[in-house]
Amino acid sequence: MKKNIDQFVRETISHTKHFDVNNINHIKEVVRYALSYYELNSYEEIENTELGTIEYLYLHSMAEENLLSKVVQQSLNSNKPYTIEDIYQGYVIRRH
């Protein structure tokens, strides 16, 4: 049986060296682990451009989007309604 989101996030953060809640890349790393751990159909793609690297998140369903948004909220340990879109700075493509 899989862990609930709260347990998953706490354990993932505790295993991450020097986790910084203010570092977006650390939050994205927790999201990547969640994609794998929960065996989601959503995925991340990285594109290199002249302006730098852009990370796109392709969301398979609304359920997966909600789960990943909850992972983000738990990772930030915040009562503010942060979403997966906030972390990926709008580079989210919905396939649902």
PDB file of N, CA and C in Angstrom:
ATOM      1  N   MET A   1       0.834  -1.187   0.000  1.00  0.00           N
ATOM      2  CA  MET A   1       0.000   0.000   0.000  1.00  0.00           C
ATOM      3  C   MET A   1       0.879   1.251   0.000  1.00  0.00           C
ATOM      4  N   LYS A   2       0.497   2.215  -0.798  1.00  0.00           N
ATOM      5  CA  LYS A   2       1.249   3.463  -0.916  1.00  0.00           C
ATOM      6  C   LYS A   2       1.009   4.352   0.303  1.00  0.00           C
ATOM      7  N   LYS A   3       1.983   5.195   0.582  1.00  0.00           N
ATOM      8  CA  LYS A   3       1.872   6.159   1.683  1.00  0.00           C
ATOM      9  C   LYS A   3       0.908   7.271   1.280  1.00  0.00           C
ATOM     10  N   ASN A   4       0.311   7.909   2.291  1.00  0.00           N
ATOM     11  CA  ASN A   4      -0.513   9.074   1.963  1.00  0.00           C
ATOM     12  C   ASN A   4       0.420  10.233   1.622  1.00  0.00           C
ATOM     13  N   ILE A   5      -0.143  11.302   1.098  1.00  0.00           N
ATOM     14  CA  ILE A   5       0.668  12.410   0.598  1.00  0.00           C
ATOM     15  C   ILE A   5       1.515  13.034   1.700  1.00  0.00           C
ATOM     16  N   ASP A   6       0.933  13.216   2.865  1.00  0.00           N
ATOM     17  CA  ASP A   6       1.662  13.825   3.974  1.00  0.00           C
ATOM     18  C   ASP A   6       2.883  12.987   4.357  1.00  0.00           C
ATOM     19  N   GLN A   7       2.695  11.684   4.506  1.00  0.00           N
ATOM     20  CA  GLN A   7       3.810  10.796   4.846  1.00  0.00           C
ATOM     21  C   GLN A   7       4.871  10.805   3.749  1.00  0.00           C
ATOM     22  N   PHE A   8       4.413  10.721   2.506  1.00  0.00           N
ATOM     23  CA  PHE A   8       5.340  10.707   1.379  1.00  0.00           C
ATOM     24  C   PHE A   8       6.206  11.962   1.364  1.00  0.00           C
ATOM     25  N   VAL A   9       5.583  13.123   1.502  1.00  0.00           N
ATOM     26  CA  VAL A   9       6.318  14.388   1.440  1.00  0.00           C
ATOM     27  C   VAL A   9       7.285  14.498   2.615  1.00  0.00           C
ATOM     28  N   ARG A  10       6.843  14.177   3.824  1.00  0.00           N
ATOM     29  CA  ARG A  10       7.738  14.264   4.984  1.00  0.00           C
ATOM     30  C   ARG A  10       8.964  13.372   4.816  1.00  0.00           C
ATOM     31  N   GLU A  11       8.750  12.129   4.372  1.00  0.00           N
ATOM     32  CA  GLU A  11       9.871  11.208   4.194  1.00  0.00           C
ATOM     33  C   GLU A  11      10.792  11.645   3.061  1.00  0.00           C
ATOM     34  N   THR A  12      10.225  12.129   1.978  1.00  0.00           N
ATOM     35  CA  THR A  12      11.042  12.581   0.845  1.00  0.00           C
ATOM     36  C   THR A  12      11.891  13.777   1.248  1.00  0.00           C
ATOM     37  N   ILE A  13      11.305  14.717   1.949  1.00  0.00           N
ATOM     38  CA  ILE A  13      12.047  15.895   2.398  1.00  0.00           C
ATOM     39  C   ILE A  13      13.142  15.497   3.383  1.00  0.00           C
ATOM     40  N   SER A  14      12.843  14.572   4.275  1.00  0.00           N
ATOM     41  CA  SER A  14      13.849  14.168   5.265  1.00  0.00           C
ATOM     42  C   SER A  14      15.034  13.451   4.617  1.00  0.00           C
ATOM     43  N   HIS A  15      14.822  12.833   3.455  1.00  0.00           N
ATOM     44  CA  HIS A  15      15.900  12.145   2.745  1.00  0.00           C
ATOM     45  C   HIS A  15      16.644  13.067   1.775  1.00  0.00           C
ATOM     46  N   THR A  16      16.156  14.290   1.613  1.00  0.00           N
ATOM     47  CA  THR A  16      16.789  15.256   0.714  1.00  0.00           C
ATOM     48  C   THR A  16      17.764  16.101   1.521  1.00  0.00           C
ATOM     49  N   LYS A  17      19.025  16.102   1.101  1.00  0.00           N
ATOM     50  CA  LYS A  17      20.027  16.880   1.819  1.00  0.00           C
ATOM     51  C   LYS A  17      19.760  18.370   1.643  1.00  0.00           C
ATOM     52  N   HIS A  18      19.797  19.085   2.743  1.00  0.00           N
ATOM     53  CA  HIS A  18      19.684  20.547   2.748  1.00  0.00           C
ATOM     54  C   HIS A  18      18.432  21.035   2.019  1.00  0.00           C
ATOM     55  N   PHE A  19      17.298  20.390   2.249  1.00  0.00           N
ATOM     56  CA  PHE A  19      16.051  20.803   1.609  1.00  0.00           C
ATOM     57  C   PHE A  19      15.724  22.230   2.009  1.00  0.00           C
ATOM     58  N   ASP A  20      15.442  23.061   1.005  1.00  0.00           N
ATOM     59  CA  ASP A  20      15.102  24.461   1.226  1.00  0.00           C
ATOM     60  C   ASP A  20      13.715  24.718   0.656  1.00  0.00           C
ATOM     61  N   VAL A  21      12.775  25.044   1.506  1.00  0.00           N
ATOM     62  CA  VAL A  21      11.392  25.253   1.093  1.00  0.00           C
ATOM     63  C   VAL A  21      11.265  26.438   0.128  1.00  0.00           C
ATOM     64  N   ASN A  22      12.238  27.330   0.116  1.00  0.00           N
ATOM     65  CA  ASN A  22      12.205  28.494  -0.771  1.00  0.00           C
ATOM     66  C   ASN A  22      12.849  28.226  -2.130  1.00  0.00           C
ATOM     67  N   ASN A  23      13.403  27.040  -2.307  1.00  0.00           N
ATOM     68  CA  ASN A  23      14.062  26.689  -3.558  1.00  0.00           C
ATOM     69  C   ASN A  23      13.085  25.902  -4.440  1.00  0.00           C
ATOM     70  N   ILE A  24      12.664  26.495  -5.540  1.00  0.00           N
ATOM     71  CA  ILE A  24      11.692  25.847  -6.434  1.00  0.00           C
ATOM     72  C   ILE A  24      12.211  24.518  -6.959  1.00  0.00           C
ATOM     73  N   ASN A  25      13.512  24.430  -7.203  1.00  0.00           N
ATOM     74  CA  ASN A  25      14.072  23.176  -7.708  1.00  0.00           C
ATOM     75  C   ASN A  25      13.938  22.043  -6.701  1.00  0.00           C
ATOM     76  N   HIS A  26      13.994  22.343  -5.419  1.00  0.00           N
ATOM     77  CA  HIS A  26      13.796  21.319  -4.396  1.00  0.00           C
ATOM     78  C   HIS A  26      12.340  20.838  -4.403  1.00  0.00           C
ATOM     79  N   ILE A  27      11.411  21.754  -4.586  1.00  0.00           N
ATOM     80  CA  ILE A  27       9.991  21.389  -4.656  1.00  0.00           C
ATOM     81  C   ILE A  27       9.745  20.539  -5.899  1.00  0.00           C
ATOM     82  N   LYS A  28      10.342  20.934  -7.023  1.00  0.00           N
ATOM     83  CA  LYS A  28      10.183  20.163  -8.261  1.00  0.00           C
ATOM     84  C   LYS A  28      10.741  18.747  -8.095  1.00  0.00           C
ATOM     85  N   GLU A  29      11.804  18.604  -7.327  1.00  0.00           N
ATOM     86  CA  GLU A  29      12.383  17.284  -7.092  1.00  0.00           C
ATOM     87  C   GLU A  29      11.392  16.392  -6.336  1.00  0.00           C
ATOM     88  N   VAL A  30      10.699  16.958  -5.362  1.00  0.00           N
ATOM     89  CA  VAL A  30       9.671  16.199  -4.642  1.00  0.00           C
ATOM     90  C   VAL A  30       8.557  15.805  -5.605  1.00  0.00           C
ATOM     91  N   VAL A  31       8.174  16.708  -6.506  1.00  0.00           N
ATOM     92  CA  VAL A  31       7.149  16.408  -7.512  1.00  0.00           C
ATOM     93  C   VAL A  31       7.612  15.261  -8.408  1.00  0.00           C
ATOM     94  N   ARG A  32       8.878  15.289  -8.821  1.00  0.00           N
ATOM     95  CA  ARG A  32       9.409  14.205  -9.669  1.00  0.00           C
ATOM     96  C   ARG A  32       9.342  12.859  -8.949  1.00  0.00           C
ATOM     97  N   TYR A  33       9.696  12.860  -7.679  1.00  0.00           N
ATOM     98  CA  TYR A  33       9.593  11.622  -6.897  1.00  0.00           C
ATOM     99  C   TYR A  33       8.143  11.159  -6.810  1.00  0.00           C
ATOM    100  N   ALA A  34       7.217  12.105  -6.656  1.00  0.00           N
ATOM    101  CA  ALA A  34       5.789  11.756  -6.575  1.00  0.00           C
ATOM    102  C   ALA A  34       5.304  11.143  -7.886  1.00  0.00           C
ATOM    103  N   LEU A  35       5.755  11.687  -9.020  1.00  0.00           N
ATOM    104  CA  LEU A  35       5.375  11.132 -10.325  1.00  0.00           C
ATOM    105  C   LEU A  35       5.760   9.661 -10.404  1.00  0.00           C
ATOM    106  N   SER A  36       6.933   9.355  -9.922  1.00  0.00           N
ATOM    107  CA  SER A  36       7.424   7.978  -9.960  1.00  0.00           C
ATOM    108  C   SER A  36       6.748   7.111  -8.899  1.00  0.00           C
ATOM    109  N   TYR A  37       6.728   7.598  -7.660  1.00  0.00           N
ATOM    110  CA  TYR A  37       6.212   6.806  -6.537  1.00  0.00           C
ATOM    111  C   TYR A  37       4.743   6.411  -6.726  1.00  0.00           C
ATOM    112  N   TYR A  38       3.936   7.364  -7.153  1.00  0.00           N
ATOM    113  CA  TYR A  38       2.510   7.094  -7.328  1.00  0.00           C
ATOM    114  C   TYR A  38       2.181   6.547  -8.716  1.00  0.00           C
ATOM    115  N   GLU A  39       3.229   6.319  -9.529  1.00  0.00           N
ATOM    116  CA  GLU A  39       3.086   5.730 -10.859  1.00  0.00           C
ATOM    117  C   GLU A  39       2.076   6.506 -11.714  1.00  0.00           C
ATOM    118  N   LEU A  40       2.281   7.823 -11.772  1.00  0.00           N
ATOM    119  CA  LEU A  40       1.368   8.693 -12.501  1.00  0.00           C
ATOM    120  C   LEU A  40       1.692   8.686 -13.993  1.00  0.00           C
ATOM    121  N   ASN A  41       0.702   9.005 -14.789  1.00  0.00           N
ATOM    122  CA  ASN A  41       0.882   9.100 -16.235  1.00  0.00           C
ATOM    123  C   ASN A  41       1.369  10.489 -16.658  1.00  0.00           C
ATOM    124  N   SER A  42       1.305  11.441 -15.761  1.00  0.00           N
ATOM    125  CA  SER A  42       1.841  12.776 -16.030  1.00  0.00           C
ATOM    126  C   SER A  42       3.360  12.664 -16.086  1.00  0.00           C
ATOM    127  N   TYR A  43       3.988  13.618 -16.790  1.00  0.00           N
ATOM    128  CA  TYR A  43       5.443  13.553 -16.921  1.00  0.00           C
ATOM    129  C   TYR A  43       6.031  14.941 -17.134  1.00  0.00           C
ATOM    130  N   GLU A  44       7.326  15.026 -16.910  1.00  0.00           N
ATOM    131  CA  GLU A  44       8.052  16.275 -17.083  1.00  0.00           C
ATOM    132  C   GLU A  44       8.966  16.155 -18.297  1.00  0.00           C
ATOM    133  N   GLU A  45       9.041  17.231 -19.057  1.00  0.00           N
ATOM    134  CA  GLU A  45       9.930  17.297 -20.209  1.00  0.00           C
ATOM    135  C   GLU A  45      10.786  18.543 -20.083  1.00  0.00           C
ATOM    136  N   ILE A  46      12.054  18.415 -20.422  1.00  0.00           N
ATOM    137  CA  ILE A  46      12.983  19.538 -20.316  1.00  0.00           C
ATOM    138  C   ILE A  46      13.397  19.961 -21.722  1.00  0.00           C
ATOM    139  N   GLU A  47      13.302  21.264 -21.977  1.00  0.00           N
ATOM    140  CA  GLU A  47      13.668  21.808 -23.287  1.00  0.00           C
ATOM    141  C   GLU A  47      14.769  22.839 -23.097  1.00  0.00           C
ATOM    142  N   ASN A  48      15.821  22.693 -23.874  1.00  0.00           N
ATOM    143  CA  ASN A  48      16.918  23.665 -23.840  1.00  0.00           C
ATOM    144  C   ASN A  48      16.714  24.673 -24.967  1.00  0.00           C
ATOM    145  N   THR A  49      16.701  25.950 -24.597  1.00  0.00           N
ATOM    146  CA  THR A  49      16.531  27.029 -25.571  1.00  0.00           C
ATOM    147  C   THR A  49      17.697  28.002 -25.434  1.00  0.00           C
ATOM    148  N   GLU A  50      17.707  29.010 -26.291  1.00  0.00           N
ATOM    149  CA  GLU A  50      18.746  30.033 -26.195  1.00  0.00           C
ATOM    150  C   GLU A  50      18.647  30.787 -24.869  1.00  0.00           C
ATOM    151  N   LEU A  51      17.440  30.853 -24.326  1.00  0.00           N
ATOM    152  CA  LEU A  51      17.214  31.579 -23.079  1.00  0.00           C
ATOM    153  C   LEU A  51      17.522  30.751 -21.843  1.00  0.00           C
ATOM    154  N   GLY A  52      17.730  29.457 -22.035  1.00  0.00           N
ATOM    155  CA  GLY A  52      18.007  28.584 -20.902  1.00  0.00           C
ATOM    156  C   GLY A  52      17.161  27.332 -20.962  1.00  0.00           C
ATOM    157  N   THR A  53      17.053  26.666 -19.844  1.00  0.00           N
ATOM    158  CA  THR A  53      16.309  25.424 -19.748  1.00  0.00           C
ATOM    159  C   THR A  53      14.893  25.699 -19.255  1.00  0.00           C
ATOM    160  N   ILE A  54      13.915  25.092 -19.922  1.00  0.00           N
ATOM    161  CA  ILE A  54      12.516  25.227 -19.518  1.00  0.00           C
ATOM    162  C   ILE A  54      11.989  23.827 -19.189  1.00  0.00           C
ATOM    163  N   GLU A  55      11.366  23.711 -18.040  1.00  0.00           N
ATOM    164  CA  GLU A  55      10.789  22.438 -17.616  1.00  0.00           C
ATOM    165  C   GLU A  55       9.276  22.508 -17.788  1.00  0.00           C
ATOM    166  N   TYR A  56       8.750  21.623 -18.609  1.00  0.00           N
ATOM    167  CA  TYR A  56       7.310  21.534 -18.847  1.00  0.00           C
ATOM    168  C   TYR A  56       6.752  20.351 -18.088  1.00  0.00           C
ATOM    169  N   LEU A  57       5.569  20.514 -17.540  1.00  0.00           N
ATOM    170  CA  LEU A  57       4.889  19.412 -16.884  1.00  0.00           C
ATOM    171  C   LEU A  57       3.624  19.102 -17.673  1.00  0.00           C
ATOM    172  N   TYR A  58       3.520  17.880 -18.156  1.00  0.00           N
ATOM    173  CA  TYR A  58       2.348  17.420 -18.893  1.00  0.00           C
ATOM    174  C   TYR A  58       1.461  16.657 -17.926  1.00  0.00           C
ATOM    175  N   LEU A  59       0.249  17.155 -17.720  1.00  0.00           N
ATOM    176  CA  LEU A  59      -0.678  16.541 -16.769  1.00  0.00           C
ATOM    177  C   LEU A  59      -1.676  15.655 -17.502  1.00  0.00           C
ATOM    178  N   HIS A  60      -1.805  14.433 -17.024  1.00  0.00           N
ATOM    179  CA  HIS A  60      -2.647  13.429 -17.659  1.00  0.00           C
ATOM    180  C   HIS A  60      -4.126  13.571 -17.282  1.00  0.00           C
ATOM    181  N   SER A  61      -4.392  13.974 -16.045  1.00  0.00           N
ATOM    182  CA  SER A  61      -5.783  14.057 -15.595  1.00  0.00           C
ATOM    183  C   SER A  61      -5.918  15.106 -14.490  1.00  0.00           C
ATOM    184  N   MET A  62      -7.162  15.478 -14.223  1.00  0.00           N
ATOM    185  CA  MET A  62      -7.428  16.426 -13.141  1.00  0.00           C
ATOM    186  C   MET A  62      -7.064  15.818 -11.793  1.00  0.00           C
ATOM    187  N   ALA A  63      -7.265  14.529 -11.646  1.00  0.00           N
ATOM    188  CA  ALA A  63      -6.926  13.853 -10.393  1.00  0.00           C
ATOM    189  C   ALA A  63      -5.420  13.932 -10.129  1.00  0.00           C
ATOM    190  N   GLU A  64      -4.627  13.700 -11.166  1.00  0.00           N
ATOM    191  CA  GLU A  64      -3.181  13.782 -11.009  1.00  0.00           C
ATOM    192  C   GLU A  64      -2.743  15.216 -10.740  1.00  0.00           C
ATOM    193  N   GLU A  65      -3.389  16.169 -11.391  1.00  0.00           N
ATOM    194  CA  GLU A  65      -3.077  17.578 -11.134  1.00  0.00           C
ATOM    195  C   GLU A  65      -3.367  17.926  -9.673  1.00  0.00           C
ATOM    196  N   ASN A  66      -4.496  17.480  -9.157  1.00  0.00           N
ATOM    197  CA  ASN A  66      -4.848  17.745  -7.757  1.00  0.00           C
ATOM    198  C   ASN A  66      -3.866  17.083  -6.802  1.00  0.00           C
ATOM    199  N   LEU A  67      -3.483  15.839  -7.087  1.00  0.00           N
ATOM    200  CA  LEU A  67      -2.533  15.135  -6.231  1.00  0.00           C
ATOM    201  C   LEU A  67      -1.200  15.877  -6.203  1.00  0.00           C
ATOM    202  N   LEU A  68      -0.697  16.281  -7.364  1.00  0.00           N
ATOM    203  CA  LEU A  68       0.586  16.981  -7.421  1.00  0.00           C
ATOM    204  C   LEU A  68       0.506  18.358  -6.768  1.00  0.00           C
ATOM    205  N   SER A  69      -0.633  19.019  -6.874  1.00  0.00           N
ATOM    206  CA  SER A  69      -0.807  20.303  -6.184  1.00  0.00           C
ATOM    207  C   SER A  69      -0.780  20.110  -4.673  1.00  0.00           C
ATOM    208  N   LYS A  70      -1.342  19.018  -4.194  1.00  0.00           N
ATOM    209  CA  LYS A  70      -1.292  18.719  -2.755  1.00  0.00           C
ATOM    210  C   LYS A  70       0.140  18.414  -2.315  1.00  0.00           C
ATOM    211  N   VAL A  71       0.898  17.743  -3.162  1.00  0.00           N
ATOM    212  CA  VAL A  71       2.313  17.485  -2.873  1.00  0.00           C
ATOM    213  C   VAL A  71       3.054  18.814  -2.739  1.00  0.00           C
ATOM    214  N   VAL A  72       2.770  19.753  -3.633  1.00  0.00           N
ATOM    215  CA  VAL A  72       3.397  21.076  -3.583  1.00  0.00           C
ATOM    216  C   VAL A  72       3.033  21.781  -2.284  1.00  0.00           C
ATOM    217  N   GLN A  73       1.756  21.785  -1.935  1.00  0.00           N
ATOM    218  CA  GLN A  73       1.320  22.458  -0.707  1.00  0.00           C
ATOM    219  C   GLN A  73       1.984  21.852   0.521  1.00  0.00           C
ATOM    220  N   GLN A  74       2.046  20.536   0.585  1.00  0.00           N
ATOM    221  CA  GLN A  74       2.677  19.874   1.733  1.00  0.00           C
ATOM    222  C   GLN A  74       4.176  20.177   1.771  1.00  0.00           C
ATOM    223  N   SER A  75       4.809  20.215   0.605  1.00  0.00           N
ATOM    224  CA  SER A  75       6.247  20.489   0.545  1.00  0.00           C
ATOM    225  C   SER A  75       6.565  21.890   1.040  1.00  0.00           C
ATOM    226  N   LEU A  76       5.698  22.830   0.698  1.00  0.00           N
ATOM    227  CA  LEU A  76       5.891  24.218   1.117  1.00  0.00           C
ATOM    228  C   LEU A  76       5.457  24.440   2.558  1.00  0.00           C
ATOM    229  N   ASN A  77       4.722  23.469   3.108  1.00  0.00           N
ATOM    230  CA  ASN A  77       4.237  23.562   4.486  1.00  0.00           C
ATOM    231  C   ASN A  77       3.523  24.899   4.701  1.00  0.00           C
ATOM    232  N   SER A  78       2.597  25.185   3.791  1.00  0.00           N
ATOM    233  CA  SER A  78       1.933  26.482   3.788  1.00  0.00           C
ATOM    234  C   SER A  78       0.419  26.310   3.748  1.00  0.00           C
ATOM    235  N   ASN A  79      -0.267  27.261   4.339  1.00  0.00           N
ATOM    236  CA  ASN A  79      -1.727  27.271   4.270  1.00  0.00           C
ATOM    237  C   ASN A  79      -2.216  28.004   3.029  1.00  0.00           C
ATOM    238  N   LYS A  80      -1.298  28.648   2.306  1.00  0.00           N
ATOM    239  CA  LYS A  80      -1.666  29.348   1.080  1.00  0.00           C
ATOM    240  C   LYS A  80      -1.917  28.322  -0.012  1.00  0.00           C
ATOM    241  N   PRO A  81      -2.845  28.595  -0.902  1.00  0.00           N
ATOM    242  CA  PRO A  81      -3.223  27.611  -1.929  1.00  0.00           C
ATOM    243  C   PRO A  81      -2.261  27.578  -3.120  1.00  0.00           C
ATOM    244  N   TYR A  82      -1.038  27.114  -2.912  1.00  0.00           N
ATOM    245  CA  TYR A  82      -0.097  26.964  -4.028  1.00  0.00           C
ATOM    246  C   TYR A  82      -0.509  25.770  -4.873  1.00  0.00           C
ATOM    247  N   THR A  83      -0.252  25.863  -6.168  1.00  0.00           N
ATOM    248  CA  THR A  83      -0.585  24.765  -7.070  1.00  0.00           C
ATOM    249  C   THR A  83       0.661  24.345  -7.834  1.00  0.00           C
ATOM    250  N   ILE A  84       0.524  23.276  -8.562  1.00  0.00           N
ATOM    251  CA  ILE A  84       1.606  22.785  -9.394  1.00  0.00           C
ATOM    252  C   ILE A  84       1.969  23.829 -10.455  1.00  0.00           C
ATOM    253  N   GLU A  85       0.986  24.592 -10.892  1.00  0.00           N
ATOM    254  CA  GLU A  85       1.220  25.633 -11.897  1.00  0.00           C
ATOM    255  C   GLU A  85       2.131  26.733 -11.348  1.00  0.00           C
ATOM    256  N   ASP A  86       2.004  27.038 -10.072  1.00  0.00           N
ATOM    257  CA  ASP A  86       2.865  28.046  -9.456  1.00  0.00           C
ATOM    258  C   ASP A  86       4.332  27.604  -9.485  1.00  0.00           C
ATOM    259  N   ILE A  87       4.580  26.356  -9.211  1.00  0.00           N
ATOM    260  CA  ILE A  87       5.943  25.838  -9.154  1.00  0.00           C
ATOM    261  C   ILE A  87       6.566  25.757 -10.548  1.00  0.00           C
ATOM    262  N   TYR A  88       5.776  25.368 -11.536  1.00  0.00           N
ATOM    263  CA  TYR A  88       6.285  25.272 -12.902  1.00  0.00           C
ATOM    264  C   TYR A  88       6.121  26.579 -13.676  1.00  0.00           C
ATOM    265  N   GLN A  89       5.778  27.638 -12.989  1.00  0.00           N
ATOM    266  CA  GLN A  89       5.702  28.996 -13.525  1.00  0.00           C
ATOM    267  C   GLN A  89       4.904  29.073 -14.826  1.00  0.00           C
ATOM    268  N   GLY A  90       3.790  28.328 -14.849  1.00  0.00           N
ATOM    269  CA  GLY A  90       2.892  28.373 -15.994  1.00  0.00           C
ATOM    270  C   GLY A  90       3.230  27.395 -17.114  1.00  0.00           C
ATOM    271  N   TYR A  91       4.357  26.700 -17.013  1.00  0.00           N
ATOM    272  CA  TYR A  91       4.742  25.749 -18.057  1.00  0.00           C
ATOM    273  C   TYR A  91       4.087  24.388 -17.797  1.00  0.00           C
ATOM    274  N   VAL A  92       2.767  24.390 -17.776  1.00  0.00           N
ATOM    275  CA  VAL A  92       1.981  23.193 -17.522  1.00  0.00           C
ATOM    276  C   VAL A  92       1.067  22.968 -18.724  1.00  0.00           C
ATOM    277  N   ILE A  93       1.106  21.764 -19.243  1.00  0.00           N
ATOM    278  CA  ILE A  93       0.244  21.403 -20.380  1.00  0.00           C
ATOM    279  C   ILE A  93      -0.716  20.333 -19.895  1.00  0.00           C
ATOM    280  N   ARG A  94      -1.991  20.630 -20.029  1.00  0.00           N
ATOM    281  CA  ARG A  94      -3.012  19.693 -19.578  1.00  0.00           C
ATOM    282  C   ARG A  94      -3.451  18.795 -20.737  1.00  0.00           C
ATOM    283  N   ARG A  95      -3.413  17.493 -20.514  1.00  0.00           N
ATOM    284  CA  ARG A  95      -3.813  16.506 -21.519  1.00  0.00           C
ATOM    285  C   ARG A  95      -5.165  15.893 -21.189  1.00  0.00           C
ATOM    286  N   HIS A  96      -5.940  16.609 -20.402  1.00  0.00           N
ATOM    287  CA  HIS A  96      -7.265  16.092 -20.009  1.00  0.00           C
ATOM    288  C   HIS A  96      -8.358  16.989 -20.491  1.00  0.00           C
TER     289      HIS A  96
END
